[in-house]
Amino acid sequence: MDKKIVLKGSKGRSLEIDSTDATAMKMAMLFEGTCSLSVKEAAEKYGYSLPRYFQLQKSFKEKGSSALINKKRGSNKQPVRTKEVVNQIIRLRFLDPFSSAEVIAQKMKQNGYAVSVRSVERTITEYGLQKKRIR
């Protein structure tokens, strides 16, 4: 069930904000913290800490409402193990099943792919390409 936050104006009018709209919630918190409630009350009402409130306020003053939009989480770096790199590692493993991860990484570097030994080991493990040991 979606919770609604109601902002009340001085002339008896109100505005409902859907709690799933994170950007609108941040904007409403900043509005209430500046205009109607204390900063502490506004931050508590919207579930933010005081440092986060002031961080959002500073961002809003510097960049406007676009600073309140949630950004994509995670690394901005491009992954090393792209589909092409993974395919090359698998290909090299099938061509020489007894070659080590170090040898495969060296061959990849010779072919122009900057791949670490650990990335090769991860790929080999993920795709079940480990050497079969005879007892």
N, C-alpha and C. Protein backbone atom coordinates (compact mmCIF):
# COMPACT_ATOMS: atom_id res chain seq x y z
N MET A 1 0.85 -1.18 0.00
CA MET A 1 0.00 0.00 0.00
C MET A 1 0.89 1.24 0.00
N ASP A 2 0.65 2.14 -0.95
CA ASP A 2 1.45 3.34 -1.07
C ASP A 2 1.02 4.38 -0.05
N LYS A 3 2.01 4.91 0.61
CA LYS A 3 1.76 5.95 1.60
C LYS A 3 1.84 7.30 0.89
N LYS A 4 0.99 8.20 1.30
CA LYS A 4 0.99 9.55 0.71
C LYS A 4 1.44 10.55 1.77
N ILE A 5 2.24 11.50 1.35
CA ILE A 5 2.63 12.61 2.21
C ILE A 5 1.83 13.82 1.73
N VAL A 6 1.26 14.54 2.67
CA VAL A 6 0.45 15.70 2.31
C VAL A 6 1.16 16.97 2.75
N LEU A 7 1.42 17.85 1.79
CA LEU A 7 1.98 19.17 2.09
C LEU A 7 0.83 20.15 2.16
N LYS A 8 0.74 20.87 3.27
CA LYS A 8 -0.36 21.82 3.45
C LYS A 8 0.15 23.24 3.30
N GLY A 9 -0.57 24.02 2.53
CA GLY A 9 -0.22 25.42 2.32
C GLY A 9 -0.92 26.34 3.30
N SER A 10 -0.58 27.61 3.24
CA SER A 10 -1.13 28.59 4.18
C SER A 10 -2.60 28.93 3.88
N LYS A 11 -3.07 28.69 2.67
CA LYS A 11 -4.45 29.01 2.31
C LYS A 11 -5.36 27.80 2.38
N GLY A 12 -4.94 26.77 3.09
CA GLY A 12 -5.78 25.60 3.27
C GLY A 12 -5.68 24.60 2.14
N ARG A 13 -4.88 24.87 1.15
CA ARG A 13 -4.72 23.92 0.04
C ARG A 13 -3.64 22.92 0.40
N SER A 14 -3.69 21.77 -0.28
CA SER A 14 -2.70 20.74 0.01
C SER A 14 -2.26 20.04 -1.28
N LEU A 15 -1.13 19.38 -1.16
CA LEU A 15 -0.57 18.64 -2.29
C LEU A 15 -0.15 17.27 -1.78
N GLU A 16 -0.64 16.20 -2.43
CA GLU A 16 -0.28 14.84 -2.05
C GLU A 16 0.92 14.38 -2.85
N ILE A 17 1.85 13.75 -2.16
CA ILE A 17 3.05 13.21 -2.81
C ILE A 17 3.12 11.72 -2.53
N ASP A 18 3.33 10.94 -3.58
CA ASP A 18 3.43 9.49 -3.45
C ASP A 18 4.78 9.14 -2.82
N SER A 19 4.79 8.27 -1.83
CA SER A 19 6.02 7.93 -1.11
C SER A 19 7.01 7.14 -1.98
N THR A 20 6.56 6.60 -3.10
CA THR A 20 7.48 5.87 -3.97
C THR A 20 8.25 6.80 -4.90
N ASP A 21 7.87 8.06 -4.96
CA ASP A 21 8.58 9.05 -5.78
C ASP A 21 9.69 9.68 -4.94
N ALA A 22 10.89 9.10 -5.01
CA ALA A 22 12.00 9.51 -4.15
C ALA A 22 12.40 10.96 -4.36
N THR A 23 12.40 11.41 -5.60
CA THR A 23 12.80 12.79 -5.89
C THR A 23 11.81 13.78 -5.28
N ALA A 24 10.52 13.51 -5.43
CA ALA A 24 9.50 14.39 -4.86
C ALA A 24 9.56 14.38 -3.34
N MET A 25 9.86 13.22 -2.76
CA MET A 25 9.96 13.14 -1.30
C MET A 25 11.13 13.98 -0.79
N LYS A 26 12.25 13.92 -1.48
CA LYS A 26 13.40 14.74 -1.07
C LYS A 26 13.08 16.22 -1.19
N MET A 27 12.41 16.59 -2.27
CA MET A 27 12.04 17.99 -2.48
C MET A 27 11.07 18.45 -1.40
N ALA A 28 10.10 17.60 -1.05
CA ALA A 28 9.14 17.95 -0.01
C ALA A 28 9.83 18.10 1.33
N MET A 29 10.80 17.24 1.61
CA MET A 29 11.54 17.33 2.87
C MET A 29 12.30 18.65 2.95
N LEU A 30 12.96 19.01 1.86
CA LEU A 30 13.69 20.27 1.85
C LEU A 30 12.74 21.46 2.00
N PHE A 31 11.59 21.37 1.36
CA PHE A 31 10.60 22.44 1.46
C PHE A 31 10.12 22.59 2.90
N GLU A 32 9.72 21.47 3.49
CA GLU A 32 9.20 21.53 4.86
C GLU A 32 10.28 21.93 5.85
N GLY A 33 11.50 21.47 5.64
CA GLY A 33 12.59 21.83 6.54
C GLY A 33 12.96 23.29 6.46
N THR A 34 12.69 23.90 5.33
CA THR A 34 12.99 25.31 5.14
C THR A 34 11.82 26.21 5.52
N CYS A 35 10.60 25.76 5.21
CA CYS A 35 9.44 26.66 5.32
C CYS A 35 8.50 26.40 6.50
N SER A 36 8.30 25.14 6.88
CA SER A 36 7.25 24.91 7.89
C SER A 36 7.73 24.18 9.14
N LEU A 37 8.52 23.15 8.99
CA LEU A 37 8.98 22.38 10.15
C LEU A 37 10.43 22.76 10.45
N SER A 38 10.93 22.26 11.55
CA SER A 38 12.36 22.42 11.80
C SER A 38 13.10 21.40 10.92
N VAL A 39 14.37 21.63 10.74
CA VAL A 39 15.17 20.73 9.92
C VAL A 39 15.14 19.33 10.51
N LYS A 40 15.28 19.22 11.81
CA LYS A 40 15.29 17.92 12.47
C LYS A 40 13.95 17.19 12.28
N GLU A 41 12.84 17.92 12.44
CA GLU A 41 11.52 17.30 12.27
C GLU A 41 11.31 16.83 10.83
N ALA A 42 11.73 17.65 9.88
CA ALA A 42 11.56 17.28 8.47
C ALA A 42 12.39 16.05 8.13
N ALA A 43 13.63 16.03 8.59
CA ALA A 43 14.50 14.88 8.30
C ALA A 43 13.92 13.61 8.91
N GLU A 44 13.45 13.68 10.14
CA GLU A 44 12.86 12.51 10.79
C GLU A 44 11.58 12.05 10.09
N LYS A 45 10.75 13.01 9.69
CA LYS A 45 9.48 12.69 9.01
C LYS A 45 9.72 11.90 7.73
N TYR A 46 10.78 12.25 7.01
CA TYR A 46 11.04 11.61 5.72
C TYR A 46 12.07 10.48 5.81
N GLY A 47 12.55 10.20 7.02
CA GLY A 47 13.44 9.07 7.21
C GLY A 47 14.89 9.33 6.84
N TYR A 48 15.35 10.56 6.94
CA TYR A 48 16.73 10.89 6.62
C TYR A 48 17.44 11.38 7.87
N SER A 49 18.76 11.26 7.88
CA SER A 49 19.55 11.80 8.98
C SER A 49 19.81 13.29 8.71
N LEU A 50 20.21 14.01 9.75
CA LEU A 50 20.52 15.43 9.57
C LEU A 50 21.68 15.65 8.59
N PRO A 51 22.77 14.88 8.68
CA PRO A 51 23.83 15.08 7.68
C PRO A 51 23.35 14.87 6.24
N ARG A 52 22.49 13.86 6.05
CA ARG A 52 21.97 13.61 4.70
C ARG A 52 21.06 14.75 4.25
N TYR A 53 20.28 15.30 5.17
CA TYR A 53 19.43 16.45 4.86
C TYR A 53 20.28 17.60 4.33
N PHE A 54 21.34 17.93 5.07
CA PHE A 54 22.17 19.06 4.67
C PHE A 54 22.96 18.76 3.40
N GLN A 55 23.29 17.51 3.18
CA GLN A 55 23.95 17.10 1.94
C GLN A 55 23.01 17.32 0.75
N LEU A 56 21.76 16.91 0.91
CA LEU A 56 20.77 17.10 -0.15
C LEU A 56 20.49 18.58 -0.38
N GLN A 57 20.43 19.33 0.71
CA GLN A 57 20.18 20.77 0.60
C GLN A 57 21.30 21.46 -0.17
N LYS A 58 22.53 21.10 0.15
CA LYS A 58 23.68 21.69 -0.55
C LYS A 58 23.66 21.32 -2.03
N SER A 59 23.41 20.06 -2.33
CA SER A 59 23.34 19.61 -3.72
C SER A 59 22.23 20.33 -4.48
N PHE A 60 21.10 20.51 -3.82
CA PHE A 60 19.97 21.19 -4.45
C PHE A 60 20.33 22.65 -4.76
N LYS A 61 20.99 23.32 -3.82
CA LYS A 61 21.37 24.72 -4.04
C LYS A 61 22.39 24.85 -5.17
N GLU A 62 23.28 23.88 -5.29
CA GLU A 62 24.32 23.93 -6.32
C GLU A 62 23.82 23.51 -7.70
N LYS A 63 23.02 22.45 -7.77
CA LYS A 63 22.66 21.85 -9.06
C LYS A 63 21.18 21.84 -9.38
N GLY A 64 20.34 22.27 -8.44
CA GLY A 64 18.91 22.28 -8.68
C GLY A 64 18.27 20.92 -8.43
N SER A 65 17.05 20.76 -8.91
CA SER A 65 16.29 19.55 -8.63
C SER A 65 16.90 18.29 -9.25
N SER A 66 17.71 18.44 -10.29
CA SER A 66 18.33 17.25 -10.89
C SER A 66 19.28 16.56 -9.92
N ALA A 67 19.79 17.28 -8.92
CA ALA A 67 20.68 16.69 -7.92
C ALA A 67 19.93 15.76 -6.97
N LEU A 68 18.61 15.84 -6.93
CA LEU A 68 17.82 15.02 -6.03
C LEU A 68 17.43 13.67 -6.64
N ILE A 69 17.65 13.51 -7.93
CA ILE A 69 17.30 12.26 -8.61
C ILE A 69 18.27 11.17 -8.20
N ASN A 70 17.74 10.00 -7.84
CA ASN A 70 18.60 8.87 -7.46
C ASN A 70 19.45 8.45 -8.64
N LYS A 71 20.72 8.25 -8.38
CA LYS A 71 21.65 7.80 -9.41
C LYS A 71 21.74 6.28 -9.40
N LYS A 72 22.17 5.74 -10.52
CA LYS A 72 22.37 4.31 -10.62
C LYS A 72 23.50 3.90 -9.68
N ARG A 73 23.27 2.84 -8.92
CA ARG A 73 24.28 2.37 -7.99
C ARG A 73 25.30 1.50 -8.70
N GLY A 74 26.46 1.37 -8.07
CA GLY A 74 27.49 0.49 -8.58
C GLY A 74 28.61 1.26 -9.24
N SER A 75 29.54 0.51 -9.73
CA SER A 75 30.75 1.08 -10.33
C SER A 75 30.44 1.71 -11.68
N ASN A 76 31.17 2.77 -11.98
CA ASN A 76 31.05 3.40 -13.30
C ASN A 76 32.04 2.82 -14.29
N LYS A 77 32.93 1.96 -13.80
CA LYS A 77 33.92 1.34 -14.66
C LYS A 77 33.26 0.30 -15.57
N GLN A 78 33.82 0.18 -16.76
CA GLN A 78 33.36 -0.86 -17.67
C GLN A 78 33.93 -2.20 -17.22
N PRO A 79 33.18 -3.26 -17.28
CA PRO A 79 33.70 -4.55 -16.84
C PRO A 79 34.81 -5.04 -17.76
N VAL A 80 35.81 -5.69 -17.17
CA VAL A 80 36.93 -6.23 -17.95
C VAL A 80 36.48 -7.48 -18.70
N ARG A 81 35.68 -8.29 -18.01
CA ARG A 81 35.26 -9.55 -18.62
C ARG A 81 34.01 -9.35 -19.46
N THR A 82 34.20 -8.77 -20.62
CA THR A 82 33.09 -8.60 -21.54
C THR A 82 32.75 -9.96 -22.17
N LYS A 83 31.69 -10.00 -22.90
CA LYS A 83 31.27 -11.25 -23.55
C LYS A 83 32.37 -11.76 -24.49
N GLU A 84 32.99 -10.84 -25.20
CA GLU A 84 34.06 -11.22 -26.14
C GLU A 84 35.27 -11.80 -25.39
N VAL A 85 35.65 -11.18 -24.27
CA VAL A 85 36.79 -11.66 -23.49
C VAL A 85 36.48 -13.05 -22.92
N VAL A 86 35.29 -13.22 -22.38
CA VAL A 86 34.89 -14.51 -21.83
C VAL A 86 34.93 -15.59 -22.92
N ASN A 87 34.41 -15.26 -24.09
CA ASN A 87 34.42 -16.21 -25.21
C ASN A 87 35.85 -16.59 -25.60
N GLN A 88 36.77 -15.63 -25.59
CA GLN A 88 38.16 -15.90 -25.93
C GLN A 88 38.81 -16.80 -24.88
N ILE A 89 38.53 -16.54 -23.60
CA ILE A 89 39.09 -17.38 -22.53
C ILE A 89 38.60 -18.81 -22.68
N ILE A 90 37.30 -18.97 -22.93
CA ILE A 90 36.72 -20.31 -23.11
C ILE A 90 37.35 -20.99 -24.33
N ARG A 91 37.50 -20.25 -25.41
CA ARG A 91 38.11 -20.80 -26.63
C ARG A 91 39.53 -21.30 -26.36
N LEU A 92 40.33 -20.44 -25.69
CA LEU A 92 41.70 -20.83 -25.38
C LEU A 92 41.76 -22.03 -24.46
N ARG A 93 40.82 -22.13 -23.54
CA ARG A 93 40.79 -23.27 -22.62
C ARG A 93 40.47 -24.56 -23.36
N PHE A 94 39.55 -24.48 -24.33
CA PHE A 94 39.19 -25.68 -25.09
C PHE A 94 40.31 -26.08 -26.05
N LEU A 95 41.04 -25.09 -26.58
CA LEU A 95 42.15 -25.42 -27.48
C LEU A 95 43.28 -26.13 -26.74
N ASP A 96 43.51 -25.74 -25.49
CA ASP A 96 44.53 -26.39 -24.67
C ASP A 96 44.00 -26.55 -23.25
N PRO A 97 43.30 -27.65 -22.98
CA PRO A 97 42.66 -27.83 -21.68
C PRO A 97 43.63 -27.90 -20.50
N PHE A 98 44.91 -28.14 -20.75
CA PHE A 98 45.88 -28.27 -19.67
C PHE A 98 46.66 -26.99 -19.42
N SER A 99 46.36 -25.93 -20.16
CA SER A 99 47.06 -24.66 -19.92
C SER A 99 46.52 -24.01 -18.66
N SER A 100 47.41 -23.35 -17.94
CA SER A 100 47.03 -22.71 -16.67
C SER A 100 46.38 -21.35 -16.95
N ALA A 101 45.80 -20.78 -15.90
CA ALA A 101 45.19 -19.45 -16.01
C ALA A 101 46.24 -18.42 -16.38
N GLU A 102 47.47 -18.58 -15.88
CA GLU A 102 48.55 -17.65 -16.20
C GLU A 102 48.87 -17.67 -17.70
N VAL A 103 48.91 -18.86 -18.27
CA VAL A 103 49.21 -19.01 -19.69
C VAL A 103 48.09 -18.39 -20.53
N ILE A 104 46.84 -18.65 -20.14
CA ILE A 104 45.70 -18.08 -20.87
C ILE A 104 45.72 -16.56 -20.78
N ALA A 105 46.01 -16.02 -19.60
CA ALA A 105 46.08 -14.56 -19.43
C ALA A 105 47.17 -13.98 -20.31
N GLN A 106 48.31 -14.66 -20.38
CA GLN A 106 49.41 -14.19 -21.24
C GLN A 106 49.00 -14.19 -22.71
N LYS A 107 48.33 -15.25 -23.14
CA LYS A 107 47.87 -15.32 -24.53
C LYS A 107 46.84 -14.22 -24.82
N MET A 108 45.99 -13.94 -23.83
CA MET A 108 44.99 -12.87 -24.01
C MET A 108 45.70 -11.52 -24.17
N LYS A 109 46.73 -11.28 -23.36
CA LYS A 109 47.47 -10.03 -23.46
C LYS A 109 48.16 -9.91 -24.82
N GLN A 110 48.68 -11.03 -25.33
CA GLN A 110 49.31 -11.03 -26.64
C GLN A 110 48.30 -10.73 -27.75
N ASN A 111 47.04 -11.07 -27.52
CA ASN A 111 45.98 -10.80 -28.50
C ASN A 111 45.33 -9.44 -28.30
N GLY A 112 45.82 -8.66 -27.33
CA GLY A 112 45.32 -7.29 -27.15
C GLY A 112 44.24 -7.12 -26.11
N TYR A 113 44.02 -8.12 -25.28
CA TYR A 113 43.02 -8.03 -24.22
C TYR A 113 43.73 -7.86 -22.88
N ALA A 114 43.44 -6.80 -22.15
CA ALA A 114 44.06 -6.56 -20.85
C ALA A 114 43.25 -7.29 -19.79
N VAL A 115 43.64 -8.54 -19.51
CA VAL A 115 42.91 -9.38 -18.56
C VAL A 115 43.89 -9.90 -17.52
N SER A 116 43.48 -9.85 -16.26
CA SER A 116 44.33 -10.37 -15.19
C SER A 116 44.17 -11.88 -15.07
N VAL A 117 45.13 -12.48 -14.40
CA VAL A 117 45.08 -13.92 -14.16
C VAL A 117 43.83 -14.26 -13.35
N ARG A 118 43.51 -13.40 -12.37
CA ARG A 118 42.34 -13.65 -11.52
C ARG A 118 41.05 -13.63 -12.34
N SER A 119 40.95 -12.74 -13.32
CA SER A 119 39.75 -12.72 -14.17
C SER A 119 39.63 -14.01 -14.97
N VAL A 120 40.76 -14.53 -15.44
CA VAL A 120 40.76 -15.80 -16.17
C VAL A 120 40.32 -16.92 -15.22
N GLU A 121 40.85 -16.92 -13.99
CA GLU A 121 40.46 -17.95 -13.02
C GLU A 121 38.97 -17.90 -12.72
N ARG A 122 38.43 -16.69 -12.57
CA ARG A 122 36.98 -16.55 -12.30
C ARG A 122 36.16 -17.12 -13.44
N THR A 123 36.56 -16.81 -14.66
CA THR A 123 35.83 -17.29 -15.83
C THR A 123 35.88 -18.81 -15.90
N ILE A 124 37.06 -19.37 -15.68
CA ILE A 124 37.21 -20.83 -15.72
C ILE A 124 36.31 -21.48 -14.68
N THR A 125 36.28 -20.91 -13.48
CA THR A 125 35.45 -21.45 -12.40
C THR A 125 33.97 -21.30 -12.71
N GLU A 126 33.55 -20.12 -13.17
CA GLU A 126 32.13 -19.87 -13.45
C GLU A 126 31.58 -20.80 -14.52
N TYR A 127 32.40 -21.13 -15.52
CA TYR A 127 31.92 -21.96 -16.62
C TYR A 127 32.28 -23.44 -16.44
N GLY A 128 32.83 -23.79 -15.27
CA GLY A 128 33.12 -25.20 -14.98
C GLY A 128 34.18 -25.78 -15.88
N LEU A 129 35.22 -25.03 -16.16
CA LEU A 129 36.26 -25.49 -17.08
C LEU A 129 37.52 -25.93 -16.34
N GLN A 130 37.38 -26.30 -15.06
CA GLN A 130 38.53 -26.74 -14.30
C GLN A 130 39.04 -28.07 -14.84
N LYS A 131 40.31 -28.31 -14.58
CA LYS A 131 40.89 -29.58 -15.01
C LYS A 131 40.30 -30.71 -14.19
N LYS A 132 40.06 -31.81 -14.85
CA LYS A 132 39.57 -33.00 -14.15
C LYS A 132 40.76 -33.73 -13.58
N ARG A 133 40.72 -34.02 -12.31
CA ARG A 133 41.84 -34.72 -11.67
C ARG A 133 41.54 -36.21 -11.59
N ILE A 134 42.51 -36.99 -11.99
CA ILE A 134 42.34 -38.44 -11.95
C ILE A 134 42.92 -38.94 -10.64
N ARG A 135 42.19 -39.78 -9.95
CA ARG A 135 42.64 -40.31 -8.66
C ARG A 135 43.40 -41.58 -8.82
